[in-house]
Amino acid sequence: AGIEFARQNGVSEELLAQMDELTGCVGVLDTGRPGPTLAVRFDIDCVPVTEATTDDHIPAKEGFISTRCGLMHGCGHDAHTSTGLALAHWFADNKDQFNGKLKICFQPAEEGVRGAAGMAASGVLDDVDYFLGAHIAMMCKSGEVSVNPYGFLCTTKMDVTFSGAPAHAGVEPNAGRNAMAAACNAVVQLLGIARHGSGMTRINVGQLTAGSGRNVIPASAKMVMEVRGETGEINQYMYDSAVNIIKGCALAQNCEYTIEKMGEAVDLTNDPELVDILAAAGEEVEGMTVRKDPMNFGGSEAPRFLLVAFRLTAVRLPSSCLVLTVRPATTPRSSTLMKRLSL
């Protein structure tokens, strides 16, 4: 679907051929000398939202608003892409200072937590010694860097379909099986799932579509939803509870149901060695305060842009989350971190 959308919006066949009709890519920069392999991940997809055009919206005011109606970089992935390309240029110009390899992973489909698992399954990370990523967010005070954040919620994304039978609502309503009623009952009950006493939970039904006409019993309904939990166990509790409700609401209306998992993300524990390496690198940057204490990623402390080394879904490598304020005066020099990794 993504490739077809690209064709319809003017992307050349030559470029699509170079991409092998895929939506992500990995750049490998090899120094030609023995050493560790560092992977750095930058997600690149947008969100299905129409960007504001009002004068108080800075991108609209300054002329860099999205050119695609219904699509925008509302999560900062355009900044991630730019940062990844800048890192590639910098490393290529300075690779004589380092050993080993740098892999720059431009990951698709972060929204919906689908792309990381697919990229990991491709084997591109099989030889990686260290893994970092990047994400724009708002957590730290200006000038701070947090090298040990936590609170990255596990999540399961689900598409739920209820199937019933149509009938004329005035002539023979008893012949119908109301899929919309099943879905509506499910929405109300899903939002009432008891929260878990051992950690944070979230649930949302973001979309419900159903029905075909004013006087027709709805034969189908579709919900787009998600559950989240602070740990894998808590997320599983939310998922199992949701399945039970969906099953019961379908049964109450004599309908069938299907549940399709659209994406999943696992929990993350920061690698202690990498936390220490990141802290040491940050301490060498003038004007930066390093925070090694655990910091809840779910919170927001000040309205500053932050660079977040994000989790790797479904792959267990020495990996860690890095959170820092992005300002020209305090942006870490790439060479500082890479030398700490012995790259």
C-alpha atoms as a PDB file:
ATOM      1  CA  ALA A   1       0.000   0.000   0.000  1.00  0.00           C
ATOM      2  CA  GLY A   2       2.842   2.377   0.811  1.00  0.00           C
ATOM      3  CA  ILE A   3       4.554   1.760  -2.516  1.00  0.00           C
ATOM      4  CA  GLU A   4       1.330   2.313  -4.454  1.00  0.00           C
ATOM      5  CA  PHE A   5       0.718   5.536  -2.539  1.00  0.00           C
ATOM      6  CA  ALA A   6       4.237   6.673  -3.445  1.00  0.00           C
ATOM      7  CA  ARG A   7       3.542   5.999  -7.134  1.00  0.00           C
ATOM      8  CA  GLN A   8       0.297   7.948  -7.006  1.00  0.00           C
ATOM      9  CA  ASN A   9       2.113  10.897  -5.449  1.00  0.00           C
ATOM     10  CA  GLY A  10       4.867  11.262  -7.991  1.00  0.00           C
ATOM     11  CA  VAL A  11       7.744   9.153  -6.665  1.00  0.00           C
ATOM     12  CA  SER A  12       9.792   7.997  -9.646  1.00  0.00           C
ATOM     13  CA  GLU A  13      10.002   4.360 -10.676  1.00  0.00           C
ATOM     14  CA  GLU A  14      13.790   4.721 -10.656  1.00  0.00           C
ATOM     15  CA  LEU A  15      13.789   5.570  -6.946  1.00  0.00           C
ATOM     16  CA  LEU A  16      11.283   2.813  -6.164  1.00  0.00           C
ATOM     17  CA  ALA A  17      13.558   0.344  -7.960  1.00  0.00           C
ATOM     18  CA  GLN A  18      16.534   1.518  -5.897  1.00  0.00           C
ATOM     19  CA  MET A  19      14.458   0.967  -2.752  1.00  0.00           C
ATOM     20  CA  ASP A  20      13.524  -2.528  -3.973  1.00  0.00           C
ATOM     21  CA  GLU A  21       9.917  -1.435  -3.296  1.00  0.00           C
ATOM     22  CA  LEU A  22      10.631  -1.324   0.457  1.00  0.00           C
ATOM     23  CA  THR A  23       9.893   1.589   2.783  1.00  0.00           C
ATOM     24  CA  GLY A  24      13.034   1.613   4.935  1.00  0.00           C
ATOM     25  CA  CYS A  25      16.763   1.373   4.361  1.00  0.00           C
ATOM     26  CA  VAL A  26      20.072   0.814   6.149  1.00  0.00           C
ATOM     27  CA  GLY A  27      23.318   2.599   5.385  1.00  0.00           C
ATOM     28  CA  VAL A  28      26.502   0.718   6.304  1.00  0.00           C
ATOM     29  CA  LEU A  29      29.665   2.773   6.756  1.00  0.00           C
ATOM     30  CA  ASP A  30      32.688   0.487   7.128  1.00  0.00           C
ATOM     31  CA  THR A  31      36.041   1.886   8.214  1.00  0.00           C
ATOM     32  CA  GLY A  32      37.794  -1.226   6.909  1.00  0.00           C
ATOM     33  CA  ARG A  33      39.446  -1.729  10.308  1.00  0.00           C
ATOM     34  CA  PRO A  34      38.476  -4.260  12.990  1.00  0.00           C
ATOM     35  CA  GLY A  35      36.194  -2.941  15.706  1.00  0.00           C
ATOM     36  CA  PRO A  36      32.647  -3.004  17.096  1.00  0.00           C
ATOM     37  CA  THR A  37      29.509  -2.387  15.080  1.00  0.00           C
ATOM     38  CA  LEU A  38      27.229   0.402  16.250  1.00  0.00           C
ATOM     39  CA  ALA A  39      23.649   0.629  14.952  1.00  0.00           C
ATOM     40  CA  VAL A  40      21.764   3.907  15.213  1.00  0.00           C
ATOM     41  CA  ARG A  41      18.059   3.921  14.458  1.00  0.00           C
ATOM     42  CA  PHE A  42      16.007   6.821  13.062  1.00  0.00           C
ATOM     43  CA  ASP A  43      12.307   6.346  12.350  1.00  0.00           C
ATOM     44  CA  ILE A  44      11.045   8.165   9.279  1.00  0.00           C
ATOM     45  CA  ASP A  45       7.266   7.710   8.912  1.00  0.00           C
ATOM     46  CA  CYS A  46       4.616  10.394   9.365  1.00  0.00           C
ATOM     47  CA  VAL A  47       1.183  10.361  11.016  1.00  0.00           C
ATOM     48  CA  PRO A  48      -2.250  10.468   9.291  1.00  0.00           C
ATOM     49  CA  VAL A  49      -3.134  13.979  10.468  1.00  0.00           C
ATOM     50  CA  THR A  50      -3.795  17.157   8.480  1.00  0.00           C
ATOM     51  CA  GLU A  51      -1.394  19.861   9.621  1.00  0.00           C
ATOM     52  CA  ALA A  52      -2.757  23.151  10.953  1.00  0.00           C
ATOM     53  CA  THR A  53      -2.598  26.128   8.604  1.00  0.00           C
ATOM     54  CA  THR A  54      -3.227  28.921  11.114  1.00  0.00           C
ATOM     55  CA  ASP A  55      -0.787  31.811  11.474  1.00  0.00           C
ATOM     56  CA  ASP A  56       0.140  30.815  15.024  1.00  0.00           C
ATOM     57  CA  HIS A  57       1.463  27.455  13.737  1.00  0.00           C
ATOM     58  CA  ILE A  58       5.169  28.100  13.119  1.00  0.00           C
ATOM     59  CA  PRO A  59       5.615  25.658  10.166  1.00  0.00           C
ATOM     60  CA  ALA A  60       2.686  27.317   8.383  1.00  0.00           C
ATOM     61  CA  LYS A  61       3.958  30.801   9.211  1.00  0.00           C
ATOM     62  CA  GLU A  62       7.527  30.089   8.081  1.00  0.00           C
ATOM     63  CA  GLY A  63       6.700  27.994   5.019  1.00  0.00           C
ATOM     64  CA  PHE A  64       7.665  24.422   5.879  1.00  0.00           C
ATOM     65  CA  ILE A  65       4.207  22.957   6.413  1.00  0.00           C
ATOM     66  CA  SER A  66       3.382  19.491   5.094  1.00  0.00           C
ATOM     67  CA  THR A  67       2.568  19.417   1.388  1.00  0.00           C
ATOM     68  CA  ARG A  68       0.409  16.270   1.749  1.00  0.00           C
ATOM     69  CA  CYS A  69      -3.177  16.748   2.903  1.00  0.00           C
ATOM     70  CA  GLY A  70      -3.955  14.256   5.650  1.00  0.00           C
ATOM     71  CA  LEU A  71      -0.271  13.526   6.369  1.00  0.00           C
ATOM     72  CA  MET A  72       2.203  15.383   8.543  1.00  0.00           C
ATOM     73  CA  HIS A  73       5.297  14.886  10.677  1.00  0.00           C
ATOM     74  CA  GLY A  74       3.474  15.446  13.951  1.00  0.00           C
ATOM     75  CA  CYS A  75       5.866  13.182  15.869  1.00  0.00           C
ATOM     76  CA  GLY A  76       9.175  14.669  14.794  1.00  0.00           C
ATOM     77  CA  HIS A  77      10.322  11.959  12.422  1.00  0.00           C
ATOM     78  CA  ASP A  78      11.354  14.551   9.844  1.00  0.00           C
ATOM     79  CA  ALA A  79      13.904  15.732  12.418  1.00  0.00           C
ATOM     80  CA  HIS A  80      15.005  12.130  12.902  1.00  0.00           C
ATOM     81  CA  THR A  81      15.564  11.686   9.172  1.00  0.00           C
ATOM     82  CA  SER A  82      17.593  14.896   8.978  1.00  0.00           C
ATOM     83  CA  THR A  83      19.675  13.872  11.987  1.00  0.00           C
ATOM     84  CA  GLY A  84      20.394  10.450  10.518  1.00  0.00           C
ATOM     85  CA  LEU A  85      21.523  11.932   7.214  1.00  0.00           C
ATOM     86  CA  ALA A  86      23.696  14.472   9.022  1.00  0.00           C
ATOM     87  CA  LEU A  87      25.318  11.670  11.059  1.00  0.00           C
ATOM     88  CA  ALA A  88      26.002   9.699   7.873  1.00  0.00           C
ATOM     89  CA  HIS A  89      27.682  12.693   6.233  1.00  0.00           C
ATOM     90  CA  TRP A  90      29.725  13.449   9.352  1.00  0.00           C
ATOM     91  CA  PHE A  91      30.923   9.879   9.811  1.00  0.00           C
ATOM     92  CA  ALA A  92      31.818   9.530   6.141  1.00  0.00           C
ATOM     93  CA  ASP A  93      33.964  12.667   6.413  1.00  0.00           C
ATOM     94  CA  ASN A  94      35.637  11.511   9.654  1.00  0.00           C
ATOM     95  CA  LYS A  95      35.768   7.721   9.423  1.00  0.00           C
ATOM     96  CA  ASP A  96      39.578   7.703   9.501  1.00  0.00           C
ATOM     97  CA  GLN A  97      39.279   8.510  13.222  1.00  0.00           C
ATOM     98  CA  PHE A  98      37.377   5.289  13.997  1.00  0.00           C
ATOM     99  CA  ASN A  99      37.384   1.505  13.718  1.00  0.00           C
ATOM    100  CA  GLY A 100      34.576  -0.952  12.989  1.00  0.00           C
ATOM    101  CA  LYS A 101      31.243  -0.214  11.350  1.00  0.00           C
ATOM    102  CA  LEU A 102      28.361   2.190  11.719  1.00  0.00           C
ATOM    103  CA  LYS A 103      24.896   1.076  10.615  1.00  0.00           C
ATOM    104  CA  ILE A 104      22.333   3.838  10.192  1.00  0.00           C
ATOM    105  CA  CYS A 105      18.850   2.304  10.206  1.00  0.00           C
ATOM    106  CA  PHE A 106      16.060   4.397   8.694  1.00  0.00           C
ATOM    107  CA  GLN A 107      13.079   2.527  10.115  1.00  0.00           C
ATOM    108  CA  PRO A 108       9.603   2.615   8.564  1.00  0.00           C
ATOM    109  CA  ALA A 109       6.275   2.123  10.335  1.00  0.00           C
ATOM    110  CA  GLU A 110       7.185   3.196  13.846  1.00  0.00           C
ATOM    111  CA  GLU A 111       3.653   4.513  14.192  1.00  0.00           C
ATOM    112  CA  GLY A 112       1.706   1.397  15.048  1.00  0.00           C
ATOM    113  CA  VAL A 113       4.958  -0.261  16.256  1.00  0.00           C
ATOM    114  CA  ARG A 114       5.304  -2.504  13.216  1.00  0.00           C
ATOM    115  CA  GLY A 115       8.502  -1.476  11.457  1.00  0.00           C
ATOM    116  CA  ALA A 116      11.133  -2.297  14.097  1.00  0.00           C
ATOM    117  CA  ALA A 117      10.183  -5.963  14.378  1.00  0.00           C
ATOM    118  CA  GLY A 118      10.308  -6.368  10.602  1.00  0.00           C
ATOM    119  CA  MET A 119      13.686  -4.681  10.367  1.00  0.00           C
ATOM    120  CA  ALA A 120      15.045  -6.852  13.168  1.00  0.00           C
ATOM    121  CA  ALA A 121      13.742 -10.007  11.476  1.00  0.00           C
ATOM    122  CA  SER A 122      15.636  -9.069   8.300  1.00  0.00           C
ATOM    123  CA  GLY A 123      18.932  -9.906  10.026  1.00  0.00           C
ATOM    124  CA  VAL A 124      20.431  -6.465   9.551  1.00  0.00           C
ATOM    125  CA  LEU A 125      21.176  -6.261  13.284  1.00  0.00           C
ATOM    126  CA  ASP A 126      22.641  -9.737  13.709  1.00  0.00           C
ATOM    127  CA  ASP A 127      26.241  -8.489  13.869  1.00  0.00           C
ATOM    128  CA  VAL A 128      25.554  -5.366  15.937  1.00  0.00           C
ATOM    129  CA  ASP A 129      27.407  -4.812  19.234  1.00  0.00           C
ATOM    130  CA  TYR A 130      25.635  -1.644  20.371  1.00  0.00           C
ATOM    131  CA  PHE A 131      22.266  -0.168  19.492  1.00  0.00           C
ATOM    132  CA  LEU A 132      21.021   3.414  19.827  1.00  0.00           C
ATOM    133  CA  GLY A 133      18.055   5.243  18.358  1.00  0.00           C
ATOM    134  CA  ALA A 134      16.626   8.739  18.229  1.00  0.00           C
ATOM    135  CA  HIS A 135      13.321  10.406  18.950  1.00  0.00           C
ATOM    136  CA  ILE A 136      12.206  13.985  19.520  1.00  0.00           C
ATOM    137  CA  ALA A 137      10.303  14.454  22.793  1.00  0.00           C
ATOM    138  CA  MET A 138       9.862  16.778  25.762  1.00  0.00           C
ATOM    139  CA  MET A 139      11.201  15.622  29.124  1.00  0.00           C
ATOM    140  CA  CYS A 140      14.358  17.297  30.404  1.00  0.00           C
ATOM    141  CA  LYS A 141      15.188  20.800  31.407  1.00  0.00           C
ATOM    142  CA  SER A 142      17.282  22.707  28.916  1.00  0.00           C
ATOM    143  CA  GLY A 143      20.907  21.628  29.159  1.00  0.00           C
ATOM    144  CA  GLU A 144      20.185  18.245  30.762  1.00  0.00           C
ATOM    145  CA  VAL A 145      20.784  14.784  29.360  1.00  0.00           C
ATOM    146  CA  SER A 146      19.094  11.713  30.817  1.00  0.00           C
ATOM    147  CA  VAL A 147      20.854   8.443  30.051  1.00  0.00           C
ATOM    148  CA  ASN A 148      18.559   6.105  31.989  1.00  0.00           C
ATOM    149  CA  PRO A 149      14.895   6.826  31.222  1.00  0.00           C
ATOM    150  CA  TYR A 150      12.174   4.251  31.782  1.00  0.00           C
ATOM    151  CA  GLY A 151       8.403   4.000  31.410  1.00  0.00           C
ATOM    152  CA  PHE A 152       8.315   2.846  27.780  1.00  0.00           C
ATOM    153  CA  LEU A 153       4.967   1.098  27.755  1.00  0.00           C
ATOM    154  CA  CYS A 154       4.417  -2.263  26.124  1.00  0.00           C
ATOM    155  CA  THR A 155       1.551  -2.152  23.663  1.00  0.00           C
ATOM    156  CA  THR A 156      -0.611  -4.245  21.351  1.00  0.00           C
ATOM    157  CA  LYS A 157      -2.435  -2.666  18.406  1.00  0.00           C
ATOM    158  CA  MET A 158      -5.596  -4.469  17.278  1.00  0.00           C
ATOM    159  CA  ASP A 159      -8.170  -4.295  14.496  1.00  0.00           C
ATOM    160  CA  VAL A 160     -11.453  -5.901  15.576  1.00  0.00           C
ATOM    161  CA  THR A 161     -14.224  -6.869  13.172  1.00  0.00           C
ATOM    162  CA  PHE A 162     -17.767  -7.878  14.189  1.00  0.00           C
ATOM    163  CA  SER A 163     -19.866  -9.750  11.607  1.00  0.00           C
ATOM    164  CA  GLY A 164     -23.638 -10.139  11.856  1.00  0.00           C
ATOM    165  CA  ALA A 165     -26.503 -10.223   9.359  1.00  0.00           C
ATOM    166  CA  PRO A 166     -28.465  -7.425   7.640  1.00  0.00           C
ATOM    167  CA  ALA A 167     -32.223  -7.054   7.810  1.00  0.00           C
ATOM    168  CA  HIS A 168     -34.854  -4.381   7.244  1.00  0.00           C
ATOM    169  CA  ALA A 169     -35.100  -2.436  10.493  1.00  0.00           C
ATOM    170  CA  GLY A 170     -38.825  -1.784  10.027  1.00  0.00           C
ATOM    171  CA  VAL A 171     -40.103  -4.949   8.375  1.00  0.00           C
ATOM    172  CA  GLU A 172     -38.081  -7.751   9.950  1.00  0.00           C
ATOM    173  CA  PRO A 173     -35.561  -6.492  12.532  1.00  0.00           C
ATOM    174  CA  ASN A 174     -35.626  -9.859  14.291  1.00  0.00           C
ATOM    175  CA  ALA A 175     -33.888 -11.416  11.262  1.00  0.00           C
ATOM    176  CA  GLY A 176     -30.830  -9.211  11.703  1.00  0.00           C
ATOM    177  CA  ARG A 177     -27.754  -9.637  13.860  1.00  0.00           C
ATOM    178  CA  ASN A 178     -26.574  -6.193  14.852  1.00  0.00           C
ATOM    179  CA  ALA A 179     -22.801  -5.900  14.544  1.00  0.00           C
ATOM    180  CA  MET A 180     -22.891  -2.221  15.437  1.00  0.00           C
ATOM    181  CA  ALA A 181     -24.620  -2.982  18.737  1.00  0.00           C
ATOM    182  CA  ALA A 182     -21.927  -5.531  19.532  1.00  0.00           C
ATOM    183  CA  ALA A 183     -19.192  -3.013  18.764  1.00  0.00           C
ATOM    184  CA  CYS A 184     -20.794  -0.166  20.715  1.00  0.00           C
ATOM    185  CA  ASN A 185     -21.300  -2.360  23.773  1.00  0.00           C
ATOM    186  CA  ALA A 186     -17.683  -3.457  23.472  1.00  0.00           C
ATOM    187  CA  VAL A 187     -16.378   0.124  23.354  1.00  0.00           C
ATOM    188  CA  VAL A 188     -18.154   1.051  26.590  1.00  0.00           C
ATOM    189  CA  GLN A 189     -16.988  -2.079  28.399  1.00  0.00           C
ATOM    190  CA  LEU A 190     -13.424  -1.886  27.099  1.00  0.00           C
ATOM    191  CA  LEU A 191     -12.969   1.576  28.549  1.00  0.00           C
ATOM    192  CA  GLY A 192     -14.102   0.192  31.884  1.00  0.00           C
ATOM    193  CA  ILE A 193     -11.446  -2.521  32.254  1.00  0.00           C
ATOM    194  CA  ALA A 194     -10.145  -2.472  35.820  1.00  0.00           C
ATOM    195  CA  ARG A 195      -6.663  -0.948  35.916  1.00  0.00           C
ATOM    196  CA  HIS A 196      -3.803  -3.116  37.126  1.00  0.00           C
ATOM    197  CA  GLY A 197      -2.484  -2.565  40.631  1.00  0.00           C
ATOM    198  CA  SER A 198       1.140  -3.314  39.726  1.00  0.00           C
ATOM    199  CA  GLY A 199       1.727  -0.670  37.070  1.00  0.00           C
ATOM    200  CA  MET A 200       0.503   1.775  34.477  1.00  0.00           C
ATOM    201  CA  THR A 201      -2.172   0.745  31.943  1.00  0.00           C
ATOM    202  CA  ARG A 202      -3.796   2.425  28.962  1.00  0.00           C
ATOM    203  CA  ILE A 203      -6.562   1.515  26.506  1.00  0.00           C
ATOM    204  CA  ASN A 204      -8.144   3.368  23.603  1.00  0.00           C
ATOM    205  CA  VAL A 205     -10.637   2.671  20.854  1.00  0.00           C
ATOM    206  CA  GLY A 206      -9.642   5.236  18.278  1.00  0.00           C
ATOM    207  CA  GLN A 207     -12.059   4.445  15.465  1.00  0.00           C
ATOM    208  CA  LEU A 208     -15.391   2.683  14.992  1.00  0.00           C
ATOM    209  CA  THR A 209     -17.037   2.265  11.600  1.00  0.00           C
ATOM    210  CA  ALA A 210     -20.279   0.395  11.001  1.00  0.00           C
ATOM    211  CA  GLY A 211     -23.519   0.236   9.067  1.00  0.00           C
ATOM    212  CA  SER A 212     -24.724   0.762   5.514  1.00  0.00           C
ATOM    213  CA  GLY A 213     -28.015   2.660   5.703  1.00  0.00           C
ATOM    214  CA  ARG A 214     -30.655   4.294   7.880  1.00  0.00           C
ATOM    215  CA  ASN A 215     -33.102   1.394   7.834  1.00  0.00           C
ATOM    216  CA  VAL A 216     -30.686  -1.534   7.606  1.00  0.00           C
ATOM    217  CA  ILE A 217     -29.551  -3.584  10.594  1.00  0.00           C
ATOM    218  CA  PRO A 218     -25.720  -3.191  10.524  1.00  0.00           C
ATOM    219  CA  ALA A 219     -24.111  -6.437   9.391  1.00  0.00           C
ATOM    220  CA  SER A 220     -20.524  -5.397  10.055  1.00  0.00           C
ATOM    221  CA  ALA A 221     -18.517  -3.147  12.326  1.00  0.00           C
ATOM    222  CA  LYS A 222     -14.813  -2.474  12.726  1.00  0.00           C
ATOM    223  CA  MET A 223     -12.890  -1.085  15.683  1.00  0.00           C
ATOM    224  CA  VAL A 224      -9.307   0.170  15.644  1.00  0.00           C
ATOM    225  CA  MET A 225      -7.897  -0.012  19.164  1.00  0.00           C
ATOM    226  CA  GLU A 226      -4.857  -0.477  21.359  1.00  0.00           C
ATOM    227  CA  VAL A 227      -3.884  -1.556  24.870  1.00  0.00           C
ATOM    228  CA  ARG A 228      -0.737  -0.610  26.796  1.00  0.00           C
ATOM    229  CA  GLY A 229       0.957  -1.782  29.966  1.00  0.00           C
ATOM    230  CA  GLU A 230       4.015  -0.880  31.989  1.00  0.00           C
ATOM    231  CA  THR A 231       5.333  -4.439  31.673  1.00  0.00           C
ATOM    232  CA  GLY A 232       4.709  -7.319  29.324  1.00  0.00           C
ATOM    233  CA  GLU A 233       2.621  -9.057  31.975  1.00  0.00           C
ATOM    234  CA  ILE A 234       0.438  -6.006  32.549  1.00  0.00           C
ATOM    235  CA  ASN A 235      -0.008  -5.442  28.823  1.00  0.00           C
ATOM    236  CA  GLN A 236      -1.048  -9.101  28.459  1.00  0.00           C
ATOM    237  CA  TYR A 237      -3.615  -8.584  31.221  1.00  0.00           C
ATOM    238  CA  MET A 238      -5.093  -5.667  29.277  1.00  0.00           C
ATOM    239  CA  TYR A 239      -5.100  -7.653  26.041  1.00  0.00           C
ATOM    240  CA  ASP A 240      -6.728 -10.732  27.599  1.00  0.00           C
ATOM    241  CA  SER A 241      -9.375  -8.571  29.274  1.00  0.00           C
ATOM    242  CA  ALA A 242     -10.125  -6.861  25.971  1.00  0.00           C
ATOM    243  CA  VAL A 243     -10.479 -10.208  24.167  1.00  0.00           C
ATOM    244  CA  ASN A 244     -12.941 -11.463  26.785  1.00  0.00           C
ATOM    245  CA  ILE A 245     -15.093  -8.351  26.406  1.00  0.00           C
ATOM    246  CA  ILE A 246     -15.042  -8.520  22.612  1.00  0.00           C
ATOM    247  CA  LYS A 247     -16.002 -12.195  22.694  1.00  0.00           C
ATOM    248  CA  GLY A 248     -18.853 -11.577  25.149  1.00  0.00           C
ATOM    249  CA  CYS A 249     -20.286  -8.605  23.261  1.00  0.00           C
ATOM    250  CA  ALA A 250     -20.222 -10.559  20.011  1.00  0.00           C
ATOM    251  CA  LEU A 251     -21.999 -13.485  21.674  1.00  0.00           C
ATOM    252  CA  ALA A 252     -24.667 -11.200  23.141  1.00  0.00           C
ATOM    253  CA  GLN A 253     -25.667 -10.044  19.648  1.00  0.00           C
ATOM    254  CA  ASN A 254     -25.203 -13.467  18.030  1.00  0.00           C
ATOM    255  CA  CYS A 255     -22.335 -12.109  15.954  1.00  0.00           C
ATOM    256  CA  GLU A 256     -18.934 -13.447  14.975  1.00  0.00           C
ATOM    257  CA  TYR A 257     -15.707 -11.555  15.570  1.00  0.00           C
ATOM    258  CA  THR A 258     -12.081 -11.521  14.453  1.00  0.00           C
ATOM    259  CA  ILE A 259      -9.082  -9.855  16.094  1.00  0.00           C
ATOM    260  CA  GLU A 260      -6.016  -9.002  14.028  1.00  0.00           C
ATOM    261  CA  LYS A 261      -2.859  -7.871  15.784  1.00  0.00           C
ATOM    262  CA  MET A 262      -1.481  -4.931  13.806  1.00  0.00           C
ATOM    263  CA  GLY A 263       1.608  -4.242  15.882  1.00  0.00           C
ATOM    264  CA  GLU A 264       3.336  -4.926  19.190  1.00  0.00           C
ATOM    265  CA  ALA A 265       6.117  -3.411  21.273  1.00  0.00           C
ATOM    266  CA  VAL A 266       7.937  -5.053  24.158  1.00  0.00           C
ATOM    267  CA  ASP A 267       9.349  -3.562  27.335  1.00  0.00           C
ATOM    268  CA  LEU A 268      12.893  -2.255  27.666  1.00  0.00           C
ATOM    269  CA  THR A 269      15.587  -2.436  30.316  1.00  0.00           C
ATOM    270  CA  ASN A 270      18.534  -0.138  29.706  1.00  0.00           C
ATOM    271  CA  ASP A 271      21.920  -1.812  29.362  1.00  0.00           C
ATOM    272  CA  PRO A 272      24.039  -0.723  32.376  1.00  0.00           C
ATOM    273  CA  GLU A 273      27.301  -0.682  30.386  1.00  0.00           C
ATOM    274  CA  LEU A 274      25.824   1.515  27.705  1.00  0.00           C
ATOM    275  CA  VAL A 275      24.250   3.825  30.291  1.00  0.00           C
ATOM    276  CA  ASP A 276      27.721   4.405  31.762  1.00  0.00           C
ATOM    277  CA  ILE A 277      29.224   5.009  28.305  1.00  0.00           C
ATOM    278  CA  LEU A 278      26.508   7.521  27.420  1.00  0.00           C
ATOM    279  CA  ALA A 279      26.942   9.290  30.763  1.00  0.00           C
ATOM    280  CA  ALA A 280      30.706   9.572  30.308  1.00  0.00           C
ATOM    281  CA  ALA A 281      30.252  10.953  26.793  1.00  0.00           C
ATOM    282  CA  GLY A 282      27.682  13.477  27.973  1.00  0.00           C
ATOM    283  CA  GLU A 283      29.914  14.704  30.775  1.00  0.00           C
ATOM    284  CA  GLU A 284      32.514  15.735  28.198  1.00  0.00           C
ATOM    285  CA  VAL A 285      30.079  18.100  26.492  1.00  0.00           C
ATOM    286  CA  GLU A 286      30.409  21.658  27.734  1.00  0.00           C
ATOM    287  CA  GLY A 287      27.220  23.082  29.227  1.00  0.00           C
ATOM    288  CA  MET A 288      25.459  19.733  29.621  1.00  0.00           C
ATOM    289  CA  THR A 289      24.234  18.206  32.892  1.00  0.00           C
ATOM    290  CA  VAL A 290      24.046  14.395  32.897  1.00  0.00           C
ATOM    291  CA  ARG A 291      21.245  12.647  34.783  1.00  0.00           C
ATOM    292  CA  LYS A 292      21.876   8.965  35.481  1.00  0.00           C
ATOM    293  CA  ASP A 293      18.902   8.602  37.821  1.00  0.00           C
ATOM    294  CA  PRO A 294      15.941   6.715  36.345  1.00  0.00           C
ATOM    295  CA  MET A 295      13.659   9.165  34.569  1.00  0.00           C
ATOM    296  CA  ASN A 296      10.063   8.398  33.621  1.00  0.00           C
ATOM    297  CA  PHE A 297       9.642   8.832  29.891  1.00  0.00           C
ATOM    298  CA  GLY A 298       5.880   9.148  30.371  1.00  0.00           C
ATOM    299  CA  GLY A 299       6.284  12.523  32.096  1.00  0.00           C
ATOM    300  CA  SER A 300       6.804  16.009  30.661  1.00  0.00           C
ATOM    301  CA  GLU A 301       8.952  18.439  32.610  1.00  0.00           C
ATOM    302  CA  ALA A 302       9.537  21.403  30.302  1.00  0.00           C
ATOM    303  CA  PRO A 303       8.611  22.387  26.733  1.00  0.00           C
ATOM    304  CA  ARG A 304      11.985  21.614  25.133  1.00  0.00           C
ATOM    305  CA  PHE A 305      12.905  19.481  22.158  1.00  0.00           C
ATOM    306  CA  LEU A 306      14.734  16.363  23.246  1.00  0.00           C
ATOM    307  CA  LEU A 307      16.629  13.678  21.451  1.00  0.00           C
ATOM    308  CA  VAL A 308      15.652  10.245  22.758  1.00  0.00           C
ATOM    309  CA  ALA A 309      17.533   7.075  21.982  1.00  0.00           C
ATOM    310  CA  PHE A 310      14.541   4.830  21.655  1.00  0.00           C
ATOM    311  CA  ARG A 311      13.969   1.137  22.174  1.00  0.00           C
ATOM    312  CA  LEU A 312      14.617  -1.680  19.744  1.00  0.00           C
ATOM    313  CA  THR A 313      11.501  -3.779  19.404  1.00  0.00           C
ATOM    314  CA  ALA A 314      11.874  -7.555  19.750  1.00  0.00           C
ATOM    315  CA  VAL A 315      15.688  -7.618  19.692  1.00  0.00           C
ATOM    316  CA  ARG A 316      17.920  -8.076  22.749  1.00  0.00           C
ATOM    317  CA  LEU A 317      21.180  -6.188  22.247  1.00  0.00           C
ATOM    318  CA  PRO A 318      23.215  -3.908  24.503  1.00  0.00           C
ATOM    319  CA  SER A 319      20.808  -1.012  24.061  1.00  0.00           C
ATOM    320  CA  SER A 320      19.796   2.010  26.046  1.00  0.00           C
ATOM    321  CA  CYS A 321      17.680   5.136  25.979  1.00  0.00           C
ATOM    322  CA  LEU A 322      19.325   8.524  25.821  1.00  0.00           C
ATOM    323  CA  VAL A 323      17.379  11.735  26.429  1.00  0.00           C
ATOM    324  CA  LEU A 324      18.949  15.146  25.931  1.00  0.00           C
ATOM    325  CA  THR A 325      18.097  18.712  25.102  1.00  0.00           C
ATOM    326  CA  VAL A 326      18.815  19.613  21.509  1.00  0.00           C
ATOM    327  CA  ARG A 327      20.376  23.068  21.368  1.00  0.00           C
ATOM    328  CA  PRO A 328      23.264  24.204  19.172  1.00  0.00           C
ATOM    329  CA  ALA A 329      25.378  24.989  22.233  1.00  0.00           C
ATOM    330  CA  THR A 330      24.833  21.613  23.917  1.00  0.00           C
ATOM    331  CA  THR A 331      24.435  19.087  21.133  1.00  0.00           C
ATOM    332  CA  PRO A 332      26.865  16.195  21.873  1.00  0.00           C
ATOM    333  CA  ARG A 333      29.743  15.743  19.458  1.00  0.00           C
ATOM    334  CA  SER A 334      29.366  12.404  17.676  1.00  0.00           C
ATOM    335  CA  SER A 335      33.065  11.694  18.087  1.00  0.00           C
ATOM    336  CA  THR A 336      32.777  11.778  21.883  1.00  0.00           C
ATOM    337  CA  LEU A 337      30.249   8.942  22.038  1.00  0.00           C
ATOM    338  CA  MET A 338      31.869   6.889  19.295  1.00  0.00           C
ATOM    339  CA  LYS A 339      35.266   6.995  20.975  1.00  0.00           C
ATOM    340  CA  ARG A 340      33.661   5.867  24.238  1.00  0.00           C
ATOM    341  CA  LEU A 341      32.261   2.868  22.340  1.00  0.00           C
ATOM    342  CA  SER A 342      35.778   2.181  20.976  1.00  0.00           C
ATOM    343  CA  LEU A 343      34.409   2.551  17.464  1.00  0.00           C
END
